[in-house]
Amino acid sequence: MHMQLLYNDRVIIFDRTDFGRSNLSLPAGKCRNDTNDYVLQHDCTAHSAEYDVSNNSIRALTILTDTWCSSGAVTPNGTLIQTGGFNDGDRVVRTFQPCSTCDWQEITNGLIQRRWYATNQILPDGRVIVIGGQENNYEFYPKSTSTDTVFNLTFLEQSSNLYPFVHLNVDGNLFILGYNVAILFNYTSNTVVKTFPAIPDYQSRTYPFTGSSVLLPLRNLQQSSVEAEVLICGGAPWESASQAASGNFTDALNTCARIRITDPNPTWTMETMPLARVMGDMTLLPNGQVLIINGAARGLAGWEYGRDPVFYPVLYQPDNQNGSRFQVLNPTTIPRMYHSTAILLCDGRVLVGGSNPHQYYNFTGVLYPTELSLEAFSPAYLGSEFLGLRPTIITPLSYTRVTYGQQFLLQFSVTNQVNESMIEVTMVAPSFTTHSFSMSQRLLVLDSNNVIALRNLLYTVAVTIPNSNFLAPSGYYLLFLVHQDIPSEGIWIQLQ
């Protein structure tokens, strides 16, 4: 149900605690005793795990309170901050630090109000904002004297407070969309800066009519004004909820809506996907393209409400002309319906997992059994035919610290001849992904120039880090060298 990649290349995975027993045992002596649990008050099985990508191993983790439909973000020092949930977990803040023996730490009443289906976003100053979650307000974590309260946000009452789509704009304000309407919001003054027009088809895109959304790659970062665009794809028509309750499952939406949120008078541009999709995940790839994966062709989000799994991923190429941006890719064989996830890995693959459209674990006798597997989607750029074009970063090394505005030389190697005009360096903020939305996901195309050939297929390129925490909040990023749309493996850098 929830996944986050941390800077030690391990993925934190968790579900909810009130399904009953899982198939992963906790270490001896670490049973969970919870008198508030509706299903199993003494539970010696794990509902969270750490997945080590490098050796394909799982380590059981202990979550004490219910994380059902919760949210999260990663702080500048790399700590996962996880907020809310259901029942005894709805006001809990949980933290996880990347280390080989670390486990969840829980802060009772770390939130002021219950947060169930909330959205988190890391802010330029390193705080986490927690928006909605069946409440028409927001709060911050960690708390301070001035923020030890909740702040009303009328827009959530007028639209939706369930997993709204939130993106940090390049001016430091927040783009927030609920259903099909959006605002630009100044959280420091609690004011609406701009109201965007409704998406032209007036259909809903947020939970339970669940589409997905990304902030498209940010470019030309040294210019005085940087453009920012939001892309929203898929969803379900308004009538799908009442129809599904009656046993009829309507077709999902087959459209995307794209808007440049930095324009003085922004308007939506509509595009048609090759496949209709609800509950899809949108993941930014290192070369700036967008993978759309998982989901269903009919119905909507919720228990038993999805039908016809969409096995075929789709690639969206934002720099192509409208009408030639989509490409259908090779399919999976595993239905990934409600409660599926997808995240980018350091090696350029996309880790895909989950699917449980049922109130409990159901492995037999249902249309779409609870799915416990993980699989890796390998984009075309990982194909053997591109080995000669694929670059390898030599320096800097992983965990290099960089500062705002810093310039440095990136050294890389490529087996074949380098096309200097087709070199890019990208920086990706890994996301907290749940319910078809990747929170705090962000990709920046860094200013890079002056490619110089050294010796023995070695090259350098001059790279400049953005000079604003509005563009890139401090924290850990994956840095990629991209040659002719073929990315290297990523290295971790820490922006301070």
Protein backbone atom coordinates (compact mmCIF):
# COMPACT_ATOMS: atom_id res chain seq x y z
CA MET A 1 0.00 0.00 0.00
CA HIS A 2 2.92 2.38 0.71
CA MET A 3 6.53 2.49 -0.55
CA GLN A 4 9.54 4.81 -0.16
CA LEU A 5 13.09 4.43 -1.46
CA LEU A 6 15.73 5.69 0.99
CA TYR A 7 19.31 6.77 0.30
CA ASN A 8 20.76 3.41 1.36
CA ASP A 9 18.93 1.86 -1.63
CA ARG A 10 16.46 0.08 0.58
CA VAL A 11 12.73 0.39 0.10
CA ILE A 12 10.44 0.76 3.08
CA ILE A 13 7.18 -1.07 2.41
CA PHE A 14 4.12 -1.19 4.62
CA ASP A 15 0.44 -1.93 4.58
CA ARG A 16 -2.13 -1.66 7.38
CA THR A 17 -2.09 -3.52 10.68
CA ASP A 18 -5.71 -4.61 10.92
CA PHE A 19 -5.90 -7.19 8.12
CA GLY A 20 -4.98 -10.04 10.41
CA ARG A 21 -1.82 -12.13 10.15
CA SER A 22 0.59 -11.49 7.31
CA ASN A 23 2.93 -14.04 5.73
CA LEU A 24 6.05 -12.44 7.24
CA SER A 25 6.94 -13.21 10.86
CA LEU A 26 8.38 -10.65 13.25
CA PRO A 27 11.63 -11.49 15.03
CA ALA A 28 11.24 -13.44 18.27
CA GLY A 29 10.02 -11.27 21.11
CA LYS A 30 8.69 -8.48 18.88
CA CYS A 31 4.99 -9.32 18.80
CA ARG A 32 2.52 -6.46 18.62
CA ASN A 33 -0.03 -6.21 21.43
CA ASP A 34 -2.76 -3.75 20.55
CA THR A 35 -6.04 -3.76 22.45
CA ASN A 36 -7.43 -1.30 19.89
CA ASP A 37 -6.95 -3.60 16.92
CA TYR A 38 -10.25 -4.68 15.39
CA VAL A 39 -8.95 -8.00 14.05
CA LEU A 40 -5.95 -9.39 15.95
CA GLN A 41 -4.88 -7.87 19.24
CA HIS A 42 -1.83 -10.14 19.65
CA ASP A 43 0.04 -10.28 16.37
CA CYS A 44 3.50 -11.76 15.75
CA THR A 45 3.55 -11.02 12.03
CA ALA A 46 4.98 -7.99 10.23
CA HIS A 47 2.97 -5.35 8.37
CA SER A 48 6.07 -3.48 7.24
CA ALA A 49 9.31 -4.60 5.63
CA GLU A 50 12.61 -3.23 4.40
CA TYR A 51 13.50 -4.47 0.91
CA ASP A 52 17.21 -4.50 0.12
CA VAL A 53 17.37 -3.99 -3.64
CA SER A 54 21.00 -5.04 -4.03
CA ASN A 55 20.60 -8.55 -2.61
CA ASN A 56 16.84 -9.02 -3.10
CA SER A 57 16.17 -9.62 0.60
CA ILE A 58 13.42 -8.67 3.02
CA ARG A 59 13.75 -7.62 6.67
CA ALA A 60 10.63 -7.56 8.84
CA LEU A 61 9.84 -4.25 10.55
CA THR A 62 7.52 -3.52 13.48
CA ILE A 63 4.66 -1.06 13.17
CA LEU A 64 2.55 -0.79 16.31
CA THR A 65 -0.37 1.41 15.23
CA ASP A 66 -2.56 1.30 12.14
CA THR A 67 -1.06 2.88 8.99
CA TRP A 68 -4.07 2.29 6.76
CA CYS A 69 -4.21 4.98 4.02
CA SER A 70 -1.53 7.17 5.56
CA SER A 71 1.08 9.52 4.09
CA GLY A 72 4.77 10.38 4.30
CA ALA A 73 7.81 12.38 3.25
CA VAL A 74 11.59 12.26 3.70
CA THR A 75 13.38 14.99 5.66
CA PRO A 76 16.64 16.66 4.54
CA ASN A 77 18.68 14.25 6.70
CA GLY A 78 17.09 11.23 5.01
CA THR A 79 14.66 10.23 7.75
CA LEU A 80 11.27 8.96 6.60
CA ILE A 81 8.47 10.83 8.38
CA GLN A 82 5.23 8.88 8.17
CA THR A 83 1.96 10.39 9.34
CA GLY A 84 -1.49 9.28 10.32
CA GLY A 85 -3.61 6.30 9.40
CA PHE A 86 -6.71 4.80 10.95
CA ASN A 87 -8.03 3.88 14.38
CA ASP A 88 -5.20 4.15 16.95
CA GLY A 89 -2.81 5.36 14.24
CA ASP A 90 -4.66 8.38 12.92
CA ARG A 91 -2.67 10.94 14.95
CA VAL A 92 0.60 9.05 15.15
CA VAL A 93 3.87 10.21 13.58
CA ARG A 94 6.31 7.41 12.76
CA THR A 95 9.96 7.86 11.87
CA PHE A 96 12.41 5.53 10.18
CA GLN A 97 16.12 6.23 9.83
CA PRO A 98 18.11 4.41 7.13
CA CYS A 99 20.34 1.82 8.78
CA SER A 100 20.70 -1.96 8.65
CA THR A 101 19.21 -2.51 12.12
CA CYS A 102 16.81 0.42 12.46
CA ASP A 103 13.10 -0.02 13.04
CA TRP A 104 10.05 2.24 13.22
CA GLN A 105 9.80 4.74 16.08
CA GLU A 106 6.33 6.02 16.93
CA ILE A 107 5.25 9.36 18.40
CA THR A 108 1.78 9.17 19.94
CA ASN A 109 -0.32 12.28 19.23
CA GLY A 110 2.40 13.68 16.99
CA LEU A 111 -0.42 15.15 14.91
CA ILE A 112 -3.08 17.51 16.20
CA GLN A 113 -5.91 16.02 14.18
CA ARG A 114 -6.58 12.59 12.75
CA ARG A 115 -5.15 12.18 9.25
CA TRP A 116 -6.67 9.45 7.11
CA TYR A 117 -6.13 9.82 3.31
CA ALA A 118 -3.91 12.90 3.75
CA THR A 119 -1.21 14.16 1.39
CA ASN A 120 2.29 15.20 2.48
CA GLN A 121 4.80 17.47 0.77
CA ILE A 122 8.35 18.30 1.80
CA LEU A 123 8.76 22.09 1.99
CA PRO A 124 11.72 24.31 1.08
CA ASP A 125 12.61 24.79 4.76
CA GLY A 126 12.66 21.04 5.43
CA ARG A 127 9.34 20.82 7.24
CA VAL A 128 6.57 18.47 6.14
CA ILE A 129 3.09 19.83 5.45
CA VAL A 130 0.20 17.39 6.00
CA ILE A 131 -2.89 18.37 4.02
CA GLY A 132 -6.44 17.06 4.37
CA GLY A 133 -7.07 13.49 5.37
CA GLN A 134 -10.81 13.78 6.03
CA GLU A 135 -10.13 17.21 7.53
CA ASN A 136 -10.49 20.58 5.78
CA ASN A 137 -7.21 21.88 7.15
CA TYR A 138 -3.47 21.26 7.27
CA GLU A 139 -0.68 21.14 9.81
CA PHE A 140 3.10 20.93 9.89
CA TYR A 141 5.65 18.51 11.25
CA PRO A 142 7.80 19.05 13.22
CA LYS A 143 5.87 21.52 15.35
CA SER A 144 7.05 24.94 16.46
CA THR A 145 5.52 27.59 18.70
CA SER A 146 3.88 29.27 15.71
CA THR A 147 2.73 26.05 14.01
CA ASP A 148 1.46 24.01 16.96
CA THR A 149 -2.04 24.28 15.57
CA VAL A 150 -4.10 23.46 12.49
CA PHE A 151 -4.80 25.90 9.67
CA ASN A 152 -8.14 25.93 7.89
CA LEU A 153 -8.19 25.47 4.12
CA THR A 154 -11.66 26.18 2.73
CA PHE A 155 -10.66 24.83 -0.68
CA LEU A 156 -10.61 21.28 0.71
CA GLU A 157 -14.23 21.64 1.81
CA GLN A 158 -15.18 22.97 -1.63
CA SER A 159 -13.38 20.17 -3.49
CA SER A 160 -11.95 17.10 -1.74
CA ASN A 161 -9.80 16.43 1.31
CA LEU A 162 -8.95 12.83 0.36
CA TYR A 163 -5.45 12.44 -1.09
CA PRO A 164 -5.45 15.77 -2.97
CA PHE A 165 -2.70 16.14 -5.57
CA VAL A 166 -0.04 18.52 -4.20
CA HIS A 167 3.08 19.85 -5.94
CA LEU A 168 5.62 22.42 -4.80
CA ASN A 169 5.68 25.17 -7.42
CA VAL A 170 8.91 26.97 -8.40
CA ASP A 171 7.77 30.09 -6.51
CA GLY A 172 7.47 28.19 -3.22
CA ASN A 173 3.66 28.02 -3.29
CA LEU A 174 1.70 24.77 -3.48
CA PHE A 175 -0.40 23.56 -6.39
CA ILE A 176 -3.32 21.67 -4.83
CA LEU A 177 -5.96 19.82 -6.85
CA GLY A 178 -9.10 18.16 -5.50
CA TYR A 179 -11.46 16.34 -7.88
CA ASN A 180 -11.08 18.62 -10.97
CA VAL A 181 -10.33 22.06 -9.54
CA ALA A 182 -7.04 23.49 -8.31
CA ILE A 183 -5.49 26.43 -6.52
CA LEU A 184 -2.03 27.87 -5.99
CA PHE A 185 -1.68 28.20 -2.23
CA ASN A 186 0.65 30.23 -0.04
CA TYR A 187 0.93 28.15 3.13
CA THR A 188 3.00 30.81 4.94
CA SER A 189 0.17 33.35 4.78
CA ASN A 190 -2.70 30.84 4.46
CA THR A 191 -3.94 32.56 1.29
CA VAL A 192 -5.01 31.44 -2.17
CA VAL A 193 -2.65 33.03 -4.70
CA LYS A 194 -4.45 31.81 -7.81
CA THR A 195 -7.50 29.77 -8.76
CA PHE A 196 -7.00 27.62 -11.83
CA PRO A 197 -9.79 26.80 -14.28
CA ALA A 198 -11.48 23.45 -13.84
CA ILE A 199 -10.26 20.59 -15.99
CA PRO A 200 -12.39 20.98 -19.16
CA ASP A 201 -14.19 17.63 -19.03
CA TYR A 202 -15.24 18.37 -15.40
CA GLN A 203 -14.61 14.75 -14.44
CA SER A 204 -12.89 13.87 -11.19
CA ARG A 205 -9.23 12.88 -10.88
CA THR A 206 -8.68 12.38 -7.14
CA TYR A 207 -9.78 9.68 -4.72
CA PRO A 208 -11.95 7.65 -5.12
CA PHE A 209 -12.11 8.60 -8.83
CA THR A 210 -8.39 8.06 -8.76
CA GLY A 211 -6.13 9.31 -11.52
CA SER A 212 -2.51 10.26 -10.97
CA SER A 213 -0.44 13.41 -11.24
CA VAL A 214 3.17 14.53 -11.73
CA LEU A 215 5.04 17.79 -11.83
CA LEU A 216 6.80 17.52 -15.17
CA PRO A 217 10.62 17.92 -15.29
CA LEU A 218 11.89 21.39 -14.41
CA ARG A 219 14.37 22.90 -16.88
CA ASN A 220 16.40 26.08 -17.45
CA LEU A 221 16.92 26.40 -13.75
CA GLN A 222 19.34 29.35 -13.93
CA GLN A 223 16.83 31.61 -15.67
CA SER A 224 15.03 34.32 -13.72
CA SER A 225 11.69 32.60 -14.28
CA VAL A 226 11.41 28.82 -14.42
CA GLU A 227 8.35 27.24 -16.02
CA ALA A 228 6.43 24.46 -14.26
CA GLU A 229 3.81 22.13 -15.74
CA VAL A 230 1.50 19.62 -14.07
CA LEU A 231 0.22 16.51 -15.84
CA ILE A 232 -2.84 14.58 -14.61
CA CYS A 233 -3.85 11.31 -16.27
CA GLY A 234 -6.75 8.94 -15.87
CA GLY A 235 -9.51 8.84 -13.31
CA ALA A 236 -13.15 7.85 -13.31
CA PRO A 237 -16.43 9.59 -14.21
CA TRP A 238 -18.63 10.93 -11.44
CA GLU A 239 -21.29 8.28 -11.96
CA SER A 240 -18.79 5.45 -11.45
CA ALA A 241 -19.33 5.46 -7.66
CA SER A 242 -23.09 4.99 -7.75
CA GLN A 243 -22.81 2.57 -10.66
CA ALA A 244 -20.22 0.38 -8.93
CA ALA A 245 -22.37 0.24 -5.79
CA SER A 246 -25.10 -1.23 -8.04
CA GLY A 247 -22.74 -3.75 -9.62
CA ASN A 248 -22.10 -1.81 -12.82
CA PHE A 249 -18.54 -0.77 -13.58
CA THR A 250 -18.18 2.20 -15.91
CA ASP A 251 -15.24 2.83 -18.21
CA ALA A 252 -12.33 4.74 -16.68
CA LEU A 253 -11.21 8.03 -18.20
CA ASN A 254 -8.82 7.87 -21.16
CA THR A 255 -7.67 11.49 -20.99
CA CYS A 256 -4.79 13.48 -19.55
CA ALA A 257 -4.89 17.16 -18.64
CA ARG A 258 -1.75 19.30 -18.75
CA ILE A 259 -1.30 22.87 -17.50
CA ARG A 260 1.60 25.31 -17.17
CA ILE A 261 0.96 26.55 -13.65
CA THR A 262 3.48 29.40 -13.94
CA ASP A 263 1.62 31.08 -16.82
CA PRO A 264 -0.20 34.34 -15.96
CA ASN A 265 -3.41 32.92 -17.45
CA PRO A 266 -2.96 29.14 -17.44
CA THR A 267 -5.25 26.82 -19.37
CA TRP A 268 -5.55 23.05 -19.55
CA THR A 269 -4.59 21.08 -22.65
CA MET A 270 -6.38 17.75 -23.03
CA GLU A 271 -4.74 14.63 -24.47
CA THR A 272 -6.09 11.15 -25.18
CA MET A 273 -4.31 8.11 -23.78
CA PRO A 274 -4.18 4.88 -25.77
CA LEU A 275 -5.71 3.04 -22.78
CA ALA A 276 -8.31 4.17 -20.27
CA ARG A 277 -7.05 3.86 -16.70
CA VAL A 278 -8.14 4.42 -13.11
CA MET A 279 -5.79 3.86 -10.13
CA GLY A 280 -2.69 4.12 -12.31
CA ASP A 281 0.71 5.18 -10.95
CA MET A 282 2.79 7.86 -12.69
CA THR A 283 6.55 7.63 -12.16
CA LEU A 284 9.14 10.09 -13.46
CA LEU A 285 11.98 8.26 -15.23
CA PRO A 286 15.58 9.57 -15.14
CA ASN A 287 15.37 10.81 -18.76
CA GLY A 288 12.34 12.98 -17.98
CA GLN A 289 9.74 10.66 -19.48
CA VAL A 290 6.74 9.48 -17.48
CA LEU A 291 5.76 5.86 -16.89
CA ILE A 292 2.03 5.18 -16.37
CA ILE A 293 1.53 1.74 -14.85
CA ASN A 294 -0.94 -0.36 -12.79
CA GLY A 295 -4.67 0.22 -12.46
CA ALA A 296 -7.97 -0.82 -14.01
CA ALA A 297 -9.98 -0.03 -17.12
CA ARG A 298 -13.35 0.10 -15.32
CA GLY A 299 -14.69 1.09 -11.94
CA LEU A 300 -12.98 3.24 -9.31
CA ALA A 301 -10.88 3.03 -6.14
CA GLY A 302 -12.28 1.19 -3.15
CA TRP A 303 -12.88 -2.36 -2.05
CA GLU A 304 -14.14 -4.57 -4.91
CA TYR A 305 -14.85 -1.55 -7.15
CA GLY A 306 -12.23 -2.08 -9.89
CA ARG A 307 -12.53 -4.31 -12.96
CA ASP A 308 -10.41 -5.21 -16.01
CA PRO A 309 -6.80 -4.73 -14.90
CA VAL A 310 -4.66 -2.72 -17.31
CA PHE A 311 -1.61 -4.91 -17.89
CA TYR A 312 0.05 -2.61 -20.41
CA PRO A 313 2.17 0.28 -19.11
CA VAL A 314 2.27 3.44 -21.18
CA LEU A 315 5.19 5.82 -21.68
CA TYR A 316 4.45 9.56 -21.86
CA GLN A 317 7.09 11.65 -23.64
CA PRO A 318 6.43 15.25 -22.56
CA ASP A 319 8.77 16.88 -25.09
CA ASN A 320 7.00 15.36 -28.13
CA GLN A 321 4.20 17.13 -29.92
CA ASN A 322 0.66 16.67 -28.64
CA GLY A 323 -0.71 13.62 -30.42
CA SER A 324 2.59 11.71 -30.44
CA ARG A 325 3.48 11.54 -26.77
CA PHE A 326 2.21 8.09 -25.79
CA GLN A 327 3.78 4.69 -26.38
CA VAL A 328 2.26 1.39 -25.22
CA LEU A 329 4.86 -0.90 -23.59
CA ASN A 330 5.20 -4.62 -22.89
CA PRO A 331 2.65 -5.95 -20.41
CA THR A 332 2.86 -7.62 -17.04
CA THR A 333 0.76 -10.67 -16.19
CA ILE A 334 -0.11 -9.60 -12.64
CA PRO A 335 -3.22 -7.50 -11.94
CA ARG A 336 -2.21 -4.43 -9.91
CA MET A 337 -5.48 -2.95 -8.77
CA TYR A 338 -6.41 -0.98 -5.65
CA HIS A 339 -3.53 -0.52 -3.19
CA SER A 340 -0.72 -0.99 -5.71
CA THR A 341 2.49 1.07 -5.82
CA ALA A 342 5.40 1.90 -8.13
CA ILE A 343 8.68 3.71 -7.41
CA LEU A 344 11.89 4.50 -9.29
CA LEU A 345 15.05 2.61 -8.27
CA CYS A 346 18.68 3.73 -8.46
CA ASP A 347 19.42 1.46 -11.45
CA GLY A 348 16.61 2.97 -13.55
CA ARG A 349 14.11 0.17 -13.06
CA VAL A 350 10.69 0.77 -11.50
CA LEU A 351 9.74 -1.38 -8.53
CA VAL A 352 6.07 -2.39 -8.69
CA GLY A 353 4.20 -4.10 -5.88
CA GLY A 354 0.98 -4.72 -4.07
CA SER A 355 -2.68 -4.98 -4.97
CA ASN A 356 -5.38 -5.73 -2.47
CA PRO A 357 -8.89 -4.61 -3.37
CA HIS A 358 -10.37 -6.44 -0.35
CA GLN A 359 -11.11 -5.56 3.25
CA TYR A 360 -8.84 -8.39 4.42
CA TYR A 361 -6.19 -10.65 2.91
CA ASN A 362 -7.98 -12.78 0.31
CA PHE A 363 -5.78 -15.18 -1.65
CA THR A 364 -8.42 -17.48 -3.12
CA GLY A 365 -12.02 -17.37 -4.27
CA VAL A 366 -11.95 -13.75 -5.46
CA LEU A 367 -11.53 -12.04 -8.83
CA TYR A 368 -8.27 -10.33 -7.92
CA PRO A 369 -6.47 -12.08 -5.04
CA THR A 370 -4.31 -10.16 -2.58
CA GLU A 371 -0.94 -9.81 -4.30
CA LEU A 372 2.23 -10.07 -2.21
CA SER A 373 4.79 -10.07 -5.02
CA LEU A 374 7.23 -7.41 -6.11
CA GLU A 375 8.33 -7.10 -9.72
CA ALA A 376 10.67 -4.77 -11.57
CA PHE A 377 9.64 -2.98 -14.73
CA SER A 378 12.66 -2.37 -16.96
CA PRO A 379 12.20 0.59 -19.33
CA ALA A 380 13.45 0.21 -22.88
CA TYR A 381 16.58 2.22 -22.09
CA LEU A 382 17.87 -0.80 -20.13
CA GLY A 383 17.86 -2.98 -23.26
CA SER A 384 21.12 -4.62 -24.31
CA GLU A 385 21.04 -2.76 -27.64
CA PHE A 386 21.80 0.47 -25.74
CA LEU A 387 24.86 -0.80 -23.86
CA GLY A 388 27.18 1.24 -26.03
CA LEU A 389 25.27 4.45 -25.33
CA ARG A 390 24.75 3.90 -21.60
CA PRO A 391 27.00 6.17 -19.52
CA THR A 392 28.63 5.35 -16.20
CA ILE A 393 29.25 8.08 -13.61
CA ILE A 394 32.83 7.93 -12.32
CA THR A 395 32.81 10.98 -10.04
CA PRO A 396 31.33 12.35 -7.88
CA LEU A 397 30.84 9.33 -5.67
CA SER A 398 27.57 8.46 -3.97
CA TYR A 399 26.67 10.48 -0.86
CA THR A 400 28.56 13.54 -2.09
CA ARG A 401 27.25 16.69 -0.43
CA VAL A 402 26.43 19.62 -2.69
CA THR A 403 25.27 23.15 -1.98
CA TYR A 404 22.89 25.53 -3.71
CA GLY A 405 24.44 27.12 -6.79
CA GLN A 406 27.50 24.87 -6.64
CA GLN A 407 29.30 24.06 -9.88
CA PHE A 408 31.26 20.84 -10.26
CA LEU A 409 32.72 18.55 -12.91
CA LEU A 410 30.95 15.24 -13.42
CA GLN A 411 33.20 12.58 -14.90
CA PHE A 412 31.65 9.75 -16.88
CA SER A 413 32.48 7.07 -19.40
CA VAL A 414 30.62 5.85 -22.49
CA THR A 415 31.69 2.93 -24.68
CA ASN A 416 30.55 4.46 -27.96
CA GLN A 417 31.11 7.92 -29.33
CA VAL A 418 29.45 10.62 -27.25
CA ASN A 419 26.93 12.95 -28.83
CA GLU A 420 27.77 16.09 -26.86
CA SER A 421 24.52 17.81 -27.80
CA MET A 422 22.50 14.99 -26.22
CA ILE A 423 23.97 14.97 -22.70
CA GLU A 424 21.77 15.88 -19.73
CA VAL A 425 22.18 15.58 -15.98
CA THR A 426 19.01 15.01 -14.00
CA MET A 427 18.30 15.02 -10.29
CA VAL A 428 15.32 13.03 -8.94
CA ALA A 429 13.69 13.28 -5.52
CA PRO A 430 12.37 9.80 -4.64
CA SER A 431 8.70 9.80 -3.74
CA PHE A 432 6.46 8.45 -1.03
CA THR A 433 3.93 6.53 -3.12
CA THR A 434 0.48 5.36 -2.12
CA HIS A 435 -2.98 5.33 -3.69
CA SER A 436 -1.71 6.27 -7.18
CA PHE A 437 0.06 9.45 -6.10
CA SER A 438 3.79 9.90 -5.58
CA MET A 439 4.19 12.58 -2.92
CA SER A 440 7.17 14.98 -3.22
CA GLN A 441 8.22 13.37 -6.53
CA ARG A 442 10.40 15.83 -8.47
CA LEU A 443 12.86 15.81 -11.38
CA LEU A 444 15.19 18.65 -12.28
CA VAL A 445 17.23 18.89 -15.48
CA LEU A 446 20.42 20.55 -14.26
CA ASP A 447 22.30 23.15 -16.24
CA SER A 448 25.21 21.27 -17.83
CA ASN A 449 27.64 22.25 -20.57
CA ASN A 450 31.17 22.03 -21.91
CA VAL A 451 31.52 18.29 -22.45
CA ILE A 452 35.25 17.52 -22.68
CA ALA A 453 36.81 14.26 -23.88
CA LEU A 454 39.64 13.14 -21.64
CA ARG A 455 41.13 9.73 -22.44
CA ASN A 456 40.07 6.11 -22.75
CA LEU A 457 36.38 6.94 -23.28
CA LEU A 458 36.32 9.27 -20.27
CA TYR A 459 34.55 12.62 -20.37
CA THR A 460 33.68 15.49 -18.08
CA VAL A 461 30.69 17.81 -18.08
CA ALA A 462 30.24 20.97 -16.03
CA VAL A 463 27.12 20.82 -13.85
CA THR A 464 25.37 23.52 -11.81
CA ILE A 465 23.13 22.78 -8.83
CA PRO A 466 19.95 24.93 -8.59
CA ASN A 467 20.35 28.03 -6.46
CA SER A 468 16.93 27.94 -4.78
CA ASN A 469 15.27 25.62 -2.28
CA PHE A 470 11.98 26.50 -3.98
CA LEU A 471 13.28 24.59 -6.99
CA ALA A 472 14.88 21.78 -4.98
CA PRO A 473 14.19 21.37 -1.26
CA SER A 474 17.27 20.21 0.62
CA GLY A 475 17.69 16.47 1.00
CA TYR A 476 18.84 13.35 -0.82
CA TYR A 477 18.47 13.07 -4.59
CA LEU A 478 19.38 10.51 -7.23
CA LEU A 479 21.71 12.05 -9.81
CA PHE A 480 21.71 10.57 -13.34
CA LEU A 481 23.82 11.25 -16.45
CA VAL A 482 21.58 10.85 -19.51
CA HIS A 483 23.08 10.28 -22.98
CA GLN A 484 20.69 10.19 -25.95
CA ASP A 485 17.81 9.43 -23.52
CA ILE A 486 19.79 6.50 -22.01
CA PRO A 487 20.46 7.11 -18.29
CA SER A 488 23.35 5.91 -16.18
CA GLU A 489 22.73 4.27 -12.85
CA GLY A 490 21.93 6.93 -10.31
CA ILE A 491 24.24 8.08 -7.52
CA TRP A 492 23.02 9.62 -4.28
CA ILE A 493 23.84 13.24 -3.52
CA GLN A 494 22.76 15.28 -0.53
CA LEU A 495 21.74 18.86 -1.25
CA GLN A 496 22.29 21.12 1.74
